[in-house]
Protein backbone atom coordinates (compact mmCIF):
# COMPACT_ATOMS: atom_id res chain seq x y z
CA MET A 1 -32.53 12.05 -50.76
CA MET A 2 -34.38 9.99 -48.15
CA ARG A 3 -31.10 9.01 -46.47
CA GLY A 4 -30.14 12.70 -46.13
CA VAL A 5 -33.48 13.49 -44.48
CA SER A 6 -33.01 10.59 -42.01
CA ILE A 7 -29.52 11.73 -41.06
CA LEU A 8 -30.79 15.29 -40.59
CA ALA A 9 -33.62 14.02 -38.38
CA ILE A 10 -31.22 11.98 -36.23
CA VAL A 11 -28.76 14.86 -35.85
CA SER A 12 -31.61 17.24 -34.95
CA LEU A 13 -32.90 14.80 -32.32
CA ILE A 14 -29.42 14.42 -30.77
CA VAL A 15 -28.99 18.20 -30.58
CA LEU A 16 -32.45 18.61 -29.06
CA LEU A 17 -31.91 15.92 -26.42
CA SER A 18 -28.42 17.10 -25.50
CA SER A 19 -29.67 20.67 -24.98
CA CYS A 20 -32.34 19.55 -22.47
CA ASP A 21 -31.43 20.02 -18.83
CA SER A 22 -33.17 17.35 -16.78
CA LYS A 23 -32.33 19.11 -13.50
CA MET A 24 -33.89 22.45 -14.49
CA VAL A 25 -37.19 23.19 -12.71
CA PHE A 26 -37.65 26.85 -13.70
CA ASP A 27 -35.60 29.21 -15.86
CA GLU A 28 -36.84 32.62 -16.99
CA SER A 29 -35.24 35.95 -17.83
CA HIS A 30 -36.67 39.42 -18.28
CA PRO A 31 -35.18 42.15 -20.47
CA ILE A 32 -34.35 45.43 -18.77
CA SER A 33 -35.91 48.41 -20.51
CA GLU A 34 -33.31 50.47 -22.36
CA HIS A 35 -30.58 48.43 -20.55
CA ASN A 36 -31.02 50.77 -17.59
CA TRP A 37 -32.19 48.92 -14.46
CA LYS A 38 -34.23 51.18 -12.19
CA SER A 39 -34.08 50.45 -8.46
CA ALA A 40 -37.89 50.53 -8.16
CA ASP A 41 -38.41 48.11 -11.09
CA PRO A 42 -37.77 44.50 -10.02
CA ALA A 43 -37.58 41.46 -12.25
CA ARG A 44 -40.64 39.39 -11.20
CA PHE A 45 -40.99 35.62 -11.37
CA GLU A 46 -43.63 33.08 -10.33
CA PHE A 47 -43.17 29.34 -10.18
CA GLU A 48 -44.89 26.27 -8.78
CA VAL A 49 -43.26 23.92 -6.28
CA LYS A 50 -44.70 20.44 -5.82
CA ASP A 51 -41.79 18.51 -4.32
CA THR A 52 -40.80 19.65 -0.81
CA LEU A 53 -38.31 16.82 -0.28
CA ALA A 54 -36.00 17.49 -3.23
CA LEU A 55 -32.90 19.66 -2.81
CA HIS A 56 -32.73 22.71 -5.09
CA ASN A 57 -30.09 25.18 -6.24
CA PHE A 58 -31.05 28.83 -6.82
CA TYR A 59 -29.32 30.96 -9.45
CA ILE A 60 -29.44 34.56 -10.61
CA ASN A 61 -28.84 34.95 -14.34
CA LEU A 62 -27.46 38.30 -15.48
CA ARG A 63 -26.63 39.71 -18.90
CA ASN A 64 -24.50 42.83 -18.81
CA GLY A 65 -22.72 44.95 -21.36
CA GLU A 66 -19.16 46.21 -21.29
CA ASN A 67 -20.64 49.60 -20.40
CA TYR A 68 -21.70 48.29 -16.97
CA PRO A 69 -19.62 50.57 -14.70
CA TYR A 70 -18.87 48.16 -11.82
CA SER A 71 -17.21 44.77 -11.27
CA ASN A 72 -20.05 43.56 -9.04
CA LEU A 73 -23.78 43.94 -8.60
CA PHE A 74 -25.70 43.75 -5.33
CA VAL A 75 -29.28 42.51 -5.60
CA PHE A 76 -32.12 41.98 -3.15
CA VAL A 77 -33.98 38.72 -3.71
CA GLU A 78 -37.43 38.82 -2.17
CA MET A 79 -39.34 35.52 -2.06
CA GLU A 80 -43.00 35.25 -1.16
CA PHE A 81 -44.12 31.81 0.03
CA PRO A 82 -47.53 30.27 -0.77
CA ASN A 83 -48.73 31.21 2.75
CA GLY A 84 -47.91 34.92 2.15
CA LYS A 85 -44.77 35.08 4.31
CA LYS A 86 -41.70 36.72 2.77
CA SER A 87 -37.95 36.43 3.05
CA THR A 88 -35.29 38.73 1.60
CA ASP A 89 -31.67 37.91 0.75
CA THR A 90 -28.90 40.31 -0.22
CA VAL A 91 -26.65 38.77 -2.85
CA GLU A 92 -23.40 40.08 -4.28
CA CYS A 93 -22.91 39.05 -7.90
CA VAL A 94 -19.24 39.35 -8.85
CA LEU A 95 -19.12 40.03 -12.59
CA ALA A 96 -15.46 40.90 -13.22
CA ASP A 97 -12.03 40.25 -11.76
CA PRO A 98 -9.99 43.05 -10.08
CA LEU A 99 -8.42 43.93 -13.44
CA GLY A 100 -11.80 44.37 -15.11
CA LYS A 101 -11.97 41.10 -17.09
CA TRP A 102 -15.59 39.93 -17.23
CA TYR A 103 -16.31 36.47 -15.79
CA GLY A 104 -19.41 35.68 -17.83
CA ASP A 105 -19.62 33.97 -21.18
CA GLY A 106 -19.29 36.66 -23.79
CA SER A 107 -20.30 37.30 -27.35
CA GLY A 108 -19.05 40.66 -28.51
CA SER A 109 -19.61 43.21 -25.79
CA ILE A 110 -22.35 41.33 -23.86
CA TYR A 111 -21.69 38.83 -21.05
CA ASP A 112 -23.92 36.17 -19.47
CA SER A 113 -23.34 35.15 -15.86
CA ARG A 114 -25.08 32.52 -13.72
CA ILE A 115 -24.55 33.11 -10.01
CA LEU A 116 -25.36 30.37 -7.51
CA TYR A 117 -26.79 31.96 -4.37
CA LYS A 118 -28.51 29.09 -2.55
CA GLN A 119 -27.39 25.49 -2.68
CA ASP A 120 -29.10 22.26 -1.57
CA LYS A 121 -32.25 23.96 -0.23
CA ARG A 122 -35.67 22.42 0.35
CA PHE A 123 -38.93 24.31 -0.04
CA PRO A 124 -40.97 24.27 3.18
CA LEU A 125 -44.35 24.38 1.38
CA SER A 126 -45.75 23.22 -1.91
CA GLY A 127 -47.59 25.81 -3.97
CA ARG A 128 -47.01 29.02 -5.90
CA TYR A 129 -43.93 31.11 -5.06
CA LYS A 130 -43.26 34.68 -6.15
CA LEU A 131 -39.75 36.02 -6.45
CA ASN A 132 -38.65 39.62 -7.07
CA ILE A 133 -35.07 40.66 -7.81
CA TYR A 134 -34.23 44.33 -7.19
CA GLN A 135 -30.92 45.98 -7.97
CA GLY A 136 -29.32 47.22 -4.77
CA MET A 137 -26.47 49.45 -5.97
CA ARG A 138 -27.67 52.71 -4.32
CA LYS A 139 -28.32 54.25 -7.73
CA GLU A 140 -31.75 55.08 -9.08
CA GLU A 141 -30.73 53.82 -12.52
CA LEU A 142 -28.07 51.26 -13.31
CA PRO A 143 -26.78 51.26 -16.92
CA GLY A 144 -25.47 48.24 -18.77
CA ILE A 145 -27.80 45.52 -17.45
CA TYR A 146 -29.59 43.84 -20.35
CA ASP A 147 -31.47 40.93 -18.70
CA VAL A 148 -32.16 39.58 -15.22
CA GLY A 149 -33.21 35.99 -14.70
CA PHE A 150 -33.91 33.35 -12.10
CA ARG A 151 -33.10 29.66 -12.44
CA LEU A 152 -34.19 26.88 -10.12
CA ALA A 153 -32.61 23.44 -10.58
CA LEU A 154 -32.56 20.13 -8.75
CA ALA A 155 -29.33 19.83 -6.79
CA LYS A 156 -28.88 16.07 -7.26
């Protein structure tokens, strides 16, 4: 009995440690209400940056259903710096190949994609950053988007 508990504890610890990502700085996703992303309703994120020397990679995490009507998704990524200045990037997220096969990892009819959109970037200031991701598909409502996320990871 005791030996079984010890083995279970060791296996649980190995699984826990192997699932940790030591390079991850920030990773958060927000569900989209009724899986219908409105152009005026951004996914909002806030994170703290302390290290301005480290190189970072920026990712957009998307979860879409098979009912998403396009093979790509344009988004506007608006970042507000600790000093109040803002920058905006337009990012194309390619979600499917030309034949309609989804690129993301799938389970059933839902697919998860992680899109790298900035690589090896340094933050100019330490402090609190705000990031908003808006859908930019020229439609008021965009069906088939389940979650939108932002991930920040150390590049090296």
